[in-house]
N, C-alpha and C. Protein backbone atom coordinates (compact mmCIF):
# COMPACT_ATOMS: atom_id res chain seq x y z
N MET A 1 -176.70 -31.92 -2.21
CA MET A 1 -177.89 -32.75 -2.20
C MET A 1 -178.09 -33.43 -3.55
N GLY A 2 -177.24 -33.11 -4.52
CA GLY A 2 -177.36 -33.72 -5.84
C GLY A 2 -176.93 -35.17 -5.81
N VAL A 3 -177.30 -35.88 -6.85
CA VAL A 3 -176.93 -37.27 -7.00
C VAL A 3 -176.52 -37.47 -8.45
N ASP A 4 -175.49 -38.27 -8.67
CA ASP A 4 -174.97 -38.47 -10.02
C ASP A 4 -175.71 -39.53 -10.81
N GLU A 5 -176.27 -40.51 -10.13
CA GLU A 5 -176.99 -41.59 -10.79
C GLU A 5 -177.83 -42.34 -9.79
N LEU A 6 -178.77 -43.10 -10.29
CA LEU A 6 -179.58 -44.01 -9.47
C LEU A 6 -179.30 -45.41 -9.98
N ILE A 7 -179.08 -46.33 -9.07
CA ILE A 7 -178.77 -47.72 -9.42
C ILE A 7 -179.89 -48.61 -8.88
N THR A 8 -180.39 -49.50 -9.73
CA THR A 8 -181.37 -50.50 -9.31
C THR A 8 -180.73 -51.88 -9.53
N ALA A 9 -181.50 -52.92 -9.35
CA ALA A 9 -180.97 -54.27 -9.52
C ALA A 9 -180.42 -54.50 -10.93
N ARG A 10 -181.07 -53.91 -11.94
CA ARG A 10 -180.65 -54.18 -13.32
C ARG A 10 -180.35 -52.93 -14.14
N LEU A 11 -180.60 -51.76 -13.57
CA LEU A 11 -180.52 -50.53 -14.35
C LEU A 11 -179.63 -49.48 -13.70
N ARG A 12 -179.16 -48.59 -14.55
CA ARG A 12 -178.47 -47.39 -14.08
C ARG A 12 -179.18 -46.21 -14.72
N LEU A 13 -179.70 -45.30 -13.90
CA LEU A 13 -180.27 -44.05 -14.37
C LEU A 13 -179.18 -43.01 -14.20
N ARG A 14 -178.79 -42.37 -15.29
CA ARG A 14 -177.60 -41.53 -15.28
C ARG A 14 -177.85 -40.25 -16.06
N PRO A 15 -176.91 -39.29 -15.95
CA PRO A 15 -177.02 -38.08 -16.76
C PRO A 15 -176.89 -38.41 -18.25
N TRP A 16 -177.43 -37.53 -19.06
CA TRP A 16 -177.37 -37.71 -20.52
C TRP A 16 -176.00 -37.41 -21.06
N ARG A 17 -175.67 -38.13 -22.14
CA ARG A 17 -174.44 -37.87 -22.90
C ARG A 17 -174.83 -37.54 -24.34
N GLU A 18 -173.98 -36.83 -25.01
CA GLU A 18 -174.25 -36.45 -26.41
C GLU A 18 -174.55 -37.67 -27.28
N ASP A 19 -173.87 -38.80 -27.01
CA ASP A 19 -174.08 -39.97 -27.86
C ASP A 19 -175.42 -40.67 -27.62
N ASP A 20 -176.20 -40.21 -26.64
CA ASP A 20 -177.53 -40.76 -26.42
C ASP A 20 -178.54 -40.23 -27.43
N VAL A 21 -178.24 -39.09 -28.04
CA VAL A 21 -179.21 -38.45 -28.94
C VAL A 21 -179.57 -39.37 -30.10
N GLY A 22 -178.59 -39.98 -30.73
CA GLY A 22 -178.87 -40.88 -31.86
C GLY A 22 -179.67 -42.10 -31.44
N ALA A 23 -179.34 -42.66 -30.29
CA ALA A 23 -180.06 -43.84 -29.80
C ALA A 23 -181.51 -43.48 -29.46
N LEU A 24 -181.72 -42.29 -28.87
CA LEU A 24 -183.09 -41.86 -28.57
C LEU A 24 -183.86 -41.59 -29.86
N ALA A 25 -183.19 -41.02 -30.85
CA ALA A 25 -183.85 -40.78 -32.13
C ALA A 25 -184.34 -42.10 -32.73
N ALA A 26 -183.54 -43.15 -32.61
CA ALA A 26 -183.95 -44.46 -33.13
C ALA A 26 -185.18 -44.98 -32.37
N ILE A 27 -185.20 -44.81 -31.06
CA ILE A 27 -186.36 -45.21 -30.26
C ILE A 27 -187.59 -44.44 -30.70
N ASN A 28 -187.43 -43.13 -30.92
CA ASN A 28 -188.55 -42.29 -31.29
C ASN A 28 -189.03 -42.50 -32.72
N ARG A 29 -188.27 -43.17 -33.55
CA ARG A 29 -188.71 -43.49 -34.91
C ARG A 29 -189.64 -44.70 -34.94
N ASP A 30 -189.75 -45.41 -33.83
CA ASP A 30 -190.65 -46.56 -33.74
C ASP A 30 -192.07 -46.04 -33.48
N PRO A 31 -192.97 -46.18 -34.44
CA PRO A 31 -194.32 -45.64 -34.25
C PRO A 31 -195.07 -46.27 -33.08
N GLU A 32 -194.72 -47.49 -32.71
CA GLU A 32 -195.38 -48.12 -31.56
C GLU A 32 -194.94 -47.45 -30.26
N VAL A 33 -193.69 -47.04 -30.17
CA VAL A 33 -193.18 -46.35 -28.98
C VAL A 33 -193.84 -44.98 -28.84
N THR A 34 -194.00 -44.27 -29.94
CA THR A 34 -194.50 -42.89 -29.88
C THR A 34 -196.01 -42.80 -30.08
N ARG A 35 -196.67 -43.90 -30.19
CA ARG A 35 -198.11 -43.95 -30.47
C ARG A 35 -198.96 -43.11 -29.53
N TYR A 36 -198.65 -43.10 -28.24
CA TYR A 36 -199.50 -42.43 -27.27
C TYR A 36 -198.86 -41.21 -26.63
N LEU A 37 -197.83 -40.68 -27.23
CA LEU A 37 -197.19 -39.50 -26.63
C LEU A 37 -198.13 -38.32 -26.65
N ASN A 38 -197.90 -37.40 -25.74
CA ASN A 38 -198.77 -36.24 -25.59
C ASN A 38 -198.27 -35.02 -26.37
N ARG A 39 -197.29 -35.25 -27.20
CA ARG A 39 -196.82 -34.20 -28.11
C ARG A 39 -196.10 -34.88 -29.27
N PRO A 40 -196.08 -34.21 -30.42
CA PRO A 40 -195.42 -34.82 -31.58
C PRO A 40 -193.92 -35.00 -31.34
N VAL A 41 -193.37 -36.05 -31.93
CA VAL A 41 -191.93 -36.31 -31.85
C VAL A 41 -191.41 -36.51 -33.26
N ASP A 42 -190.59 -35.57 -33.69
CA ASP A 42 -189.92 -35.70 -34.98
C ASP A 42 -188.43 -35.52 -34.74
N ASP A 43 -187.62 -35.57 -35.79
CA ASP A 43 -186.17 -35.46 -35.60
C ASP A 43 -185.77 -34.15 -34.94
N ALA A 44 -186.44 -33.06 -35.30
CA ALA A 44 -186.12 -31.76 -34.69
C ALA A 44 -186.45 -31.78 -33.19
N ALA A 45 -187.57 -32.41 -32.82
CA ALA A 45 -187.94 -32.50 -31.41
C ALA A 45 -186.94 -33.35 -30.63
N VAL A 46 -186.45 -34.42 -31.25
CA VAL A 46 -185.47 -35.28 -30.59
C VAL A 46 -184.18 -34.50 -30.35
N GLU A 47 -183.74 -33.75 -31.36
CA GLU A 47 -182.53 -32.95 -31.19
C GLU A 47 -182.72 -31.89 -30.11
N ALA A 48 -183.89 -31.28 -30.07
CA ALA A 48 -184.17 -30.26 -29.06
C ALA A 48 -184.29 -30.87 -27.66
N PHE A 49 -184.70 -32.14 -27.59
CA PHE A 49 -184.92 -32.81 -26.32
C PHE A 49 -183.67 -32.79 -25.45
N PHE A 50 -182.53 -33.07 -26.03
CA PHE A 50 -181.28 -33.10 -25.26
C PHE A 50 -181.05 -31.75 -24.58
N GLY A 51 -181.24 -30.66 -25.31
CA GLY A 51 -181.08 -29.34 -24.73
C GLY A 51 -182.10 -29.06 -23.65
N LEU A 52 -183.33 -29.47 -23.87
CA LEU A 52 -184.38 -29.27 -22.86
C LEU A 52 -184.08 -30.05 -21.59
N VAL A 53 -183.62 -31.29 -21.75
CA VAL A 53 -183.31 -32.13 -20.59
C VAL A 53 -182.16 -31.54 -19.78
N THR A 54 -181.09 -31.17 -20.45
CA THR A 54 -179.94 -30.62 -19.72
C THR A 54 -180.27 -29.27 -19.10
N GLU A 55 -181.09 -28.47 -19.79
CA GLU A 55 -181.51 -27.18 -19.22
C GLU A 55 -182.39 -27.39 -17.98
N HIS A 56 -183.30 -28.37 -18.04
CA HIS A 56 -184.16 -28.67 -16.89
C HIS A 56 -183.31 -29.08 -15.69
N TRP A 57 -182.32 -29.96 -15.92
CA TRP A 57 -181.43 -30.37 -14.83
C TRP A 57 -180.70 -29.16 -14.24
N ALA A 58 -180.20 -28.28 -15.09
CA ALA A 58 -179.46 -27.11 -14.60
C ALA A 58 -180.37 -26.18 -13.80
N GLN A 59 -181.59 -26.03 -14.23
CA GLN A 59 -182.51 -25.11 -13.56
C GLN A 59 -183.11 -25.69 -12.29
N HIS A 60 -183.44 -26.99 -12.29
CA HIS A 60 -184.20 -27.56 -11.18
C HIS A 60 -183.42 -28.57 -10.34
N GLY A 61 -182.30 -29.07 -10.83
CA GLY A 61 -181.54 -30.08 -10.09
C GLY A 61 -182.09 -31.48 -10.21
N PHE A 62 -183.03 -31.68 -11.12
CA PHE A 62 -183.58 -33.01 -11.42
C PHE A 62 -184.16 -32.97 -12.83
N GLY A 63 -184.53 -34.15 -13.33
CA GLY A 63 -185.10 -34.23 -14.66
C GLY A 63 -185.18 -35.67 -15.12
N PHE A 64 -185.27 -35.85 -16.42
CA PHE A 64 -185.29 -37.19 -16.98
C PHE A 64 -183.87 -37.74 -17.01
N TRP A 65 -183.74 -38.98 -16.55
CA TRP A 65 -182.46 -39.69 -16.57
C TRP A 65 -182.37 -40.53 -17.83
N ALA A 66 -181.19 -40.69 -18.39
CA ALA A 66 -180.94 -41.71 -19.40
C ALA A 66 -180.90 -43.04 -18.65
N VAL A 67 -181.46 -44.09 -19.25
CA VAL A 67 -181.53 -45.40 -18.59
C VAL A 67 -180.69 -46.41 -19.36
N ASP A 68 -179.79 -47.06 -18.64
CA ASP A 68 -178.97 -48.14 -19.19
C ASP A 68 -179.33 -49.45 -18.51
N VAL A 69 -179.36 -50.54 -19.28
CA VAL A 69 -179.41 -51.87 -18.72
C VAL A 69 -177.97 -52.24 -18.40
N CYS A 70 -177.75 -52.77 -17.21
CA CYS A 70 -176.39 -53.14 -16.79
C CYS A 70 -176.38 -54.62 -16.44
N GLY A 71 -175.80 -55.41 -17.31
CA GLY A 71 -175.73 -56.85 -17.06
C GLY A 71 -174.32 -57.27 -16.73
N ALA A 72 -174.19 -58.40 -16.08
CA ALA A 72 -172.88 -58.91 -15.69
C ALA A 72 -172.04 -59.29 -16.91
N GLU A 73 -172.71 -59.79 -17.96
CA GLU A 73 -171.97 -60.27 -19.12
C GLU A 73 -171.85 -59.25 -20.24
N THR A 74 -172.56 -58.13 -20.15
CA THR A 74 -172.57 -57.17 -21.24
C THR A 74 -172.28 -55.76 -20.75
N ALA A 75 -171.83 -54.92 -21.66
CA ALA A 75 -171.61 -53.51 -21.35
C ALA A 75 -172.97 -52.83 -21.19
N PRO A 76 -173.02 -51.75 -20.42
CA PRO A 76 -174.29 -51.02 -20.27
C PRO A 76 -174.85 -50.64 -21.64
N GLN A 77 -176.17 -50.76 -21.78
CA GLN A 77 -176.85 -50.47 -23.04
C GLN A 77 -177.96 -49.45 -22.78
N PHE A 78 -177.93 -48.33 -23.51
CA PHE A 78 -178.97 -47.31 -23.40
C PHE A 78 -180.29 -47.86 -23.94
N ILE A 79 -181.36 -47.73 -23.12
CA ILE A 79 -182.67 -48.25 -23.55
C ILE A 79 -183.77 -47.20 -23.52
N GLY A 80 -183.47 -45.97 -23.09
CA GLY A 80 -184.50 -44.95 -23.05
C GLY A 80 -184.31 -44.00 -21.89
N PHE A 81 -185.42 -43.49 -21.36
CA PHE A 81 -185.32 -42.56 -20.24
C PHE A 81 -186.49 -42.73 -19.28
N ALA A 82 -186.27 -42.24 -18.07
CA ALA A 82 -187.30 -42.18 -17.04
C ALA A 82 -186.88 -41.08 -16.07
N GLY A 83 -187.85 -40.46 -15.45
CA GLY A 83 -187.53 -39.43 -14.47
C GLY A 83 -188.68 -38.47 -14.26
N VAL A 84 -188.33 -37.33 -13.71
CA VAL A 84 -189.33 -36.34 -13.31
C VAL A 84 -188.94 -34.99 -13.90
N ALA A 85 -189.92 -34.33 -14.52
CA ALA A 85 -189.68 -33.00 -15.09
C ALA A 85 -191.00 -32.23 -15.13
N TYR A 86 -190.90 -30.93 -15.25
CA TYR A 86 -192.10 -30.11 -15.35
C TYR A 86 -192.61 -30.14 -16.79
N PRO A 87 -193.90 -30.44 -17.00
CA PRO A 87 -194.46 -30.58 -18.35
C PRO A 87 -194.82 -29.22 -18.95
N THR A 88 -193.84 -28.50 -19.40
CA THR A 88 -194.07 -27.14 -19.90
C THR A 88 -194.91 -27.11 -21.18
N PHE A 89 -195.09 -28.24 -21.83
CA PHE A 89 -195.91 -28.28 -23.04
C PHE A 89 -197.40 -28.13 -22.73
N LEU A 90 -197.78 -28.28 -21.46
CA LEU A 90 -199.15 -28.03 -21.00
C LEU A 90 -199.09 -26.97 -19.90
N PRO A 91 -199.23 -25.70 -20.28
CA PRO A 91 -199.04 -24.60 -19.31
C PRO A 91 -199.84 -24.74 -18.01
N GLU A 92 -201.06 -25.26 -18.06
CA GLU A 92 -201.86 -25.38 -16.85
C GLU A 92 -201.28 -26.40 -15.86
N LEU A 93 -200.39 -27.28 -16.35
CA LEU A 93 -199.78 -28.29 -15.49
C LEU A 93 -198.28 -28.07 -15.29
N ALA A 94 -197.74 -27.03 -15.88
CA ALA A 94 -196.29 -26.81 -15.90
C ALA A 94 -195.66 -26.64 -14.53
N HIS A 95 -196.47 -26.37 -13.51
CA HIS A 95 -195.95 -26.19 -12.14
C HIS A 95 -195.96 -27.50 -11.34
N ARG A 96 -196.47 -28.58 -11.93
CA ARG A 96 -196.59 -29.86 -11.23
C ARG A 96 -195.59 -30.86 -11.82
N PRO A 97 -194.70 -31.43 -11.01
CA PRO A 97 -193.71 -32.36 -11.55
C PRO A 97 -194.36 -33.63 -12.10
N GLU A 98 -193.94 -33.99 -13.31
CA GLU A 98 -194.47 -35.16 -13.99
C GLU A 98 -193.43 -36.27 -14.01
N ILE A 99 -193.86 -37.48 -13.65
CA ILE A 99 -193.00 -38.64 -13.82
C ILE A 99 -193.32 -39.25 -15.18
N GLY A 100 -192.26 -39.56 -15.92
CA GLY A 100 -192.47 -40.11 -17.25
C GLY A 100 -191.40 -41.13 -17.59
N TRP A 101 -191.64 -41.88 -18.64
CA TRP A 101 -190.73 -42.94 -19.06
C TRP A 101 -190.95 -43.18 -20.56
N ARG A 102 -189.91 -43.60 -21.22
CA ARG A 102 -189.98 -44.03 -22.62
C ARG A 102 -188.81 -44.97 -22.86
N LEU A 103 -189.14 -46.20 -23.20
CA LEU A 103 -188.11 -47.21 -23.45
C LEU A 103 -188.26 -47.80 -24.84
N ALA A 104 -187.17 -48.31 -25.36
CA ALA A 104 -187.18 -48.98 -26.66
C ALA A 104 -188.11 -50.19 -26.61
N ARG A 105 -188.85 -50.40 -27.68
CA ARG A 105 -189.82 -51.49 -27.72
C ARG A 105 -189.15 -52.85 -27.52
N LYS A 106 -187.91 -52.99 -27.97
CA LYS A 106 -187.24 -54.29 -27.86
C LYS A 106 -187.05 -54.74 -26.41
N VAL A 107 -187.19 -53.82 -25.44
CA VAL A 107 -187.04 -54.19 -24.03
C VAL A 107 -188.36 -54.17 -23.26
N TRP A 108 -189.46 -53.92 -23.94
CA TRP A 108 -190.77 -53.93 -23.28
C TRP A 108 -191.06 -55.33 -22.71
N GLY A 109 -191.83 -55.36 -21.65
CA GLY A 109 -192.26 -56.62 -21.07
C GLY A 109 -191.27 -57.26 -20.12
N ARG A 110 -190.18 -56.57 -19.82
CA ARG A 110 -189.16 -57.13 -18.92
C ARG A 110 -189.14 -56.46 -17.55
N GLY A 111 -190.05 -55.51 -17.33
CA GLY A 111 -190.11 -54.83 -16.05
C GLY A 111 -189.15 -53.66 -15.90
N TYR A 112 -188.45 -53.30 -16.97
CA TYR A 112 -187.48 -52.20 -16.87
C TYR A 112 -188.17 -50.86 -16.62
N ALA A 113 -189.29 -50.61 -17.29
CA ALA A 113 -189.99 -49.33 -17.09
C ALA A 113 -190.44 -49.20 -15.65
N THR A 114 -190.97 -50.26 -15.09
CA THR A 114 -191.40 -50.23 -13.69
C THR A 114 -190.21 -49.99 -12.77
N GLU A 115 -189.14 -50.68 -13.01
CA GLU A 115 -187.94 -50.55 -12.17
C GLU A 115 -187.38 -49.12 -12.24
N ALA A 116 -187.30 -48.57 -13.43
CA ALA A 116 -186.77 -47.21 -13.60
C ALA A 116 -187.72 -46.18 -12.99
N ALA A 117 -189.02 -46.34 -13.24
CA ALA A 117 -190.00 -45.38 -12.71
C ALA A 117 -190.06 -45.42 -11.19
N ARG A 118 -189.95 -46.61 -10.59
CA ARG A 118 -189.92 -46.69 -9.12
C ARG A 118 -188.71 -45.94 -8.56
N ALA A 119 -187.56 -46.13 -9.20
CA ALA A 119 -186.35 -45.44 -8.73
C ALA A 119 -186.54 -43.93 -8.84
N ALA A 120 -187.11 -43.47 -9.94
CA ALA A 120 -187.35 -42.03 -10.12
C ALA A 120 -188.37 -41.51 -9.11
N ARG A 121 -189.46 -42.27 -8.90
CA ARG A 121 -190.48 -41.88 -7.91
C ARG A 121 -189.87 -41.79 -6.51
N ASP A 122 -189.14 -42.81 -6.13
CA ASP A 122 -188.56 -42.83 -4.79
C ASP A 122 -187.57 -41.69 -4.59
N ASP A 123 -186.77 -41.39 -5.62
CA ASP A 123 -185.83 -40.27 -5.55
C ASP A 123 -186.59 -38.95 -5.43
N ALA A 124 -187.68 -38.81 -6.16
CA ALA A 124 -188.47 -37.58 -6.11
C ALA A 124 -189.04 -37.34 -4.72
N PHE A 125 -189.49 -38.40 -4.07
CA PHE A 125 -190.10 -38.24 -2.76
C PHE A 125 -189.09 -38.21 -1.62
N THR A 126 -187.98 -38.93 -1.74
CA THR A 126 -187.02 -38.97 -0.63
C THR A 126 -185.98 -37.87 -0.73
N ARG A 127 -185.23 -37.84 -1.79
CA ARG A 127 -184.16 -36.84 -1.92
C ARG A 127 -184.70 -35.46 -2.26
N LEU A 128 -185.60 -35.40 -3.24
CA LEU A 128 -186.09 -34.10 -3.70
C LEU A 128 -187.21 -33.54 -2.84
N LYS A 129 -187.86 -34.40 -2.07
CA LYS A 129 -188.97 -33.99 -1.20
C LYS A 129 -190.10 -33.30 -1.98
N LEU A 130 -190.34 -33.76 -3.20
CA LEU A 130 -191.46 -33.22 -3.96
C LEU A 130 -192.76 -33.69 -3.31
N PRO A 131 -193.76 -32.84 -3.21
CA PRO A 131 -194.99 -33.22 -2.52
C PRO A 131 -195.90 -34.14 -3.32
N GLU A 132 -195.76 -34.12 -4.65
CA GLU A 132 -196.61 -34.95 -5.50
C GLU A 132 -195.94 -35.17 -6.84
N LEU A 133 -196.46 -36.14 -7.56
CA LEU A 133 -196.08 -36.38 -8.95
C LEU A 133 -197.36 -36.60 -9.74
N ILE A 134 -197.33 -36.15 -10.99
CA ILE A 134 -198.41 -36.46 -11.91
C ILE A 134 -197.82 -37.25 -13.07
N SER A 135 -198.71 -37.85 -13.82
CA SER A 135 -198.32 -38.48 -15.07
C SER A 135 -199.43 -38.18 -16.07
N ILE A 136 -199.05 -37.78 -17.26
CA ILE A 136 -199.99 -37.39 -18.30
C ILE A 136 -200.10 -38.58 -19.25
N ILE A 137 -201.25 -39.26 -19.21
CA ILE A 137 -201.41 -40.53 -19.92
C ILE A 137 -202.69 -40.49 -20.75
N ARG A 138 -202.57 -40.77 -22.02
CA ARG A 138 -203.75 -40.83 -22.86
C ARG A 138 -204.63 -42.02 -22.46
N ALA A 139 -205.93 -41.84 -22.59
CA ALA A 139 -206.91 -42.83 -22.11
C ALA A 139 -206.70 -44.21 -22.71
N GLU A 140 -206.22 -44.31 -23.93
CA GLU A 140 -206.06 -45.61 -24.57
C GLU A 140 -204.70 -46.27 -24.29
N ASN A 141 -203.84 -45.61 -23.54
CA ASN A 141 -202.51 -46.15 -23.26
C ASN A 141 -202.56 -47.03 -22.00
N THR A 142 -203.04 -48.24 -22.18
CA THR A 142 -203.24 -49.14 -21.04
C THR A 142 -201.92 -49.59 -20.41
N ARG A 143 -200.85 -49.68 -21.19
CA ARG A 143 -199.55 -50.08 -20.63
C ARG A 143 -199.07 -49.05 -19.61
N SER A 144 -199.14 -47.77 -19.97
CA SER A 144 -198.70 -46.73 -19.03
C SER A 144 -199.66 -46.61 -17.86
N GLN A 145 -200.94 -46.85 -18.08
CA GLN A 145 -201.89 -46.83 -16.96
C GLN A 145 -201.55 -47.93 -15.95
N ARG A 146 -201.21 -49.12 -16.44
CA ARG A 146 -200.81 -50.21 -15.52
C ARG A 146 -199.59 -49.82 -14.72
N LEU A 147 -198.60 -49.22 -15.38
CA LEU A 147 -197.40 -48.80 -14.68
C LEU A 147 -197.73 -47.72 -13.65
N ALA A 148 -198.56 -46.77 -14.02
CA ALA A 148 -198.96 -45.71 -13.07
C ALA A 148 -199.63 -46.33 -11.85
N ARG A 149 -200.51 -47.30 -12.05
CA ARG A 149 -201.16 -47.97 -10.91
C ARG A 149 -200.12 -48.68 -10.04
N THR A 150 -199.16 -49.34 -10.67
CA THR A 150 -198.11 -50.02 -9.93
C THR A 150 -197.33 -49.04 -9.06
N LEU A 151 -197.15 -47.82 -9.55
CA LEU A 151 -196.45 -46.78 -8.79
C LEU A 151 -197.30 -46.21 -7.66
N GLY A 152 -198.58 -46.57 -7.61
CA GLY A 152 -199.48 -46.05 -6.59
C GLY A 152 -200.27 -44.84 -7.06
N MET A 153 -200.25 -44.56 -8.35
CA MET A 153 -200.95 -43.40 -8.89
C MET A 153 -202.42 -43.75 -9.16
N THR A 154 -203.26 -42.72 -9.12
CA THR A 154 -204.67 -42.86 -9.45
C THR A 154 -205.07 -41.74 -10.39
N PRO A 155 -206.10 -41.98 -11.21
CA PRO A 155 -206.58 -40.92 -12.09
C PRO A 155 -207.11 -39.75 -11.27
N GLU A 156 -206.75 -38.55 -11.67
CA GLU A 156 -207.16 -37.35 -10.94
C GLU A 156 -208.15 -36.50 -11.73
N GLN A 157 -207.86 -36.29 -13.00
CA GLN A 157 -208.69 -35.43 -13.82
C GLN A 157 -208.37 -35.66 -15.29
N THR A 158 -209.19 -35.08 -16.13
CA THR A 158 -208.94 -35.06 -17.57
C THR A 158 -208.79 -33.62 -17.98
N VAL A 159 -207.78 -33.32 -18.78
CA VAL A 159 -207.55 -31.96 -19.26
C VAL A 159 -207.49 -31.98 -20.79
N PHE A 160 -207.69 -30.82 -21.36
CA PHE A 160 -207.59 -30.69 -22.81
C PHE A 160 -206.15 -30.39 -23.17
N ASN A 161 -205.60 -31.18 -24.09
CA ASN A 161 -204.24 -30.99 -24.57
C ASN A 161 -204.32 -30.26 -25.91
N PRO A 162 -204.02 -28.95 -25.93
CA PRO A 162 -204.12 -28.20 -27.18
C PRO A 162 -203.06 -28.61 -28.22
N VAL A 163 -201.98 -29.21 -27.78
CA VAL A 163 -200.94 -29.65 -28.71
C VAL A 163 -201.49 -30.75 -29.64
N LEU A 164 -202.31 -31.64 -29.06
CA LEU A 164 -202.89 -32.74 -29.84
C LEU A 164 -204.37 -32.53 -30.15
N ASN A 165 -204.94 -31.45 -29.62
CA ASN A 165 -206.36 -31.15 -29.82
C ASN A 165 -207.25 -32.30 -29.33
N ARG A 166 -206.97 -32.77 -28.11
CA ARG A 166 -207.73 -33.87 -27.53
C ARG A 166 -207.59 -33.87 -26.01
N ALA A 167 -208.47 -34.60 -25.36
CA ALA A 167 -208.41 -34.74 -23.91
C ALA A 167 -207.35 -35.77 -23.54
N THR A 168 -206.76 -35.60 -22.36
CA THR A 168 -205.78 -36.56 -21.85
C THR A 168 -205.96 -36.66 -20.34
N ASP A 169 -205.63 -37.80 -19.80
CA ASP A 169 -205.84 -38.05 -18.37
C ASP A 169 -204.61 -37.67 -17.56
N ILE A 170 -204.86 -37.15 -16.38
CA ILE A 170 -203.81 -36.82 -15.42
C ILE A 170 -203.92 -37.80 -14.27
N TRP A 171 -202.83 -38.51 -14.02
CA TRP A 171 -202.73 -39.43 -12.89
C TRP A 171 -201.90 -38.74 -11.82
N GLN A 172 -202.10 -39.10 -10.55
CA GLN A 172 -201.43 -38.38 -9.47
C GLN A 172 -201.09 -39.32 -8.33
N ILE A 173 -199.99 -38.99 -7.65
CA ILE A 173 -199.62 -39.62 -6.38
C ILE A 173 -198.98 -38.54 -5.54
N SER A 174 -199.31 -38.55 -4.25
CA SER A 174 -198.68 -37.58 -3.37
C SER A 174 -197.67 -38.26 -2.47
N LEU A 175 -196.79 -37.47 -1.92
CA LEU A 175 -195.78 -37.98 -1.00
C LEU A 175 -196.44 -38.74 0.14
N PHE A 176 -197.59 -38.26 0.57
CA PHE A 176 -198.25 -38.85 1.72
C PHE A 176 -198.97 -40.16 1.39
N SER A 177 -199.32 -40.35 0.11
CA SER A 177 -200.00 -41.58 -0.26
C SER A 177 -199.04 -42.62 -0.82
N ALA A 178 -197.81 -42.21 -1.08
CA ALA A 178 -196.83 -43.14 -1.67
C ALA A 178 -196.40 -44.17 -0.65
N GLY A 179 -196.53 -45.39 -1.04
CA GLY A 179 -196.04 -46.47 -0.19
C GLY A 179 -195.25 -47.42 -1.06
N PRO A 180 -194.74 -48.47 -0.51
CA PRO A 180 -193.98 -49.41 -1.32
C PRO A 180 -194.88 -50.01 -2.39
N ALA A 181 -194.36 -50.04 -3.59
CA ALA A 181 -195.15 -50.62 -4.69
C ALA A 181 -194.30 -51.63 -5.43
């Protein structure tokens, strides 16, 4: 029942490779990209991320995919990640699968995040048969809120994030409410 990659019109969502770590570290060094994250991201966290992602895949059979842009004239280019994983950094939500995305700022505004997140959402509901997805989005992150709405998600609740010592919003979509978006 596993799948090796997800292909969209312009993107390939694929398993992680060791050489993605440096490219992700560069993305995470952009303060605009990490401005609204729900946990701190430093070089140690980036290095640990690869292990966490591969461990999540081994344990659950799904997780965050590395995302490449695939053009006819150019070689595939790593631009970030999108997918579904359990948010263990918030224990009260750790049992609910979270859809998330993070792309390099240089590719923002081209619809790649929406395209990747739709592929991940559809895979979660069709292949994985997950009953719901959540997304943990800070109240001031209007870009991610727009994407969540595009995916068919709605605000569900606000929870306290002890990692950042602040409240954060939980968005939700269920398998039964998911329709084409």
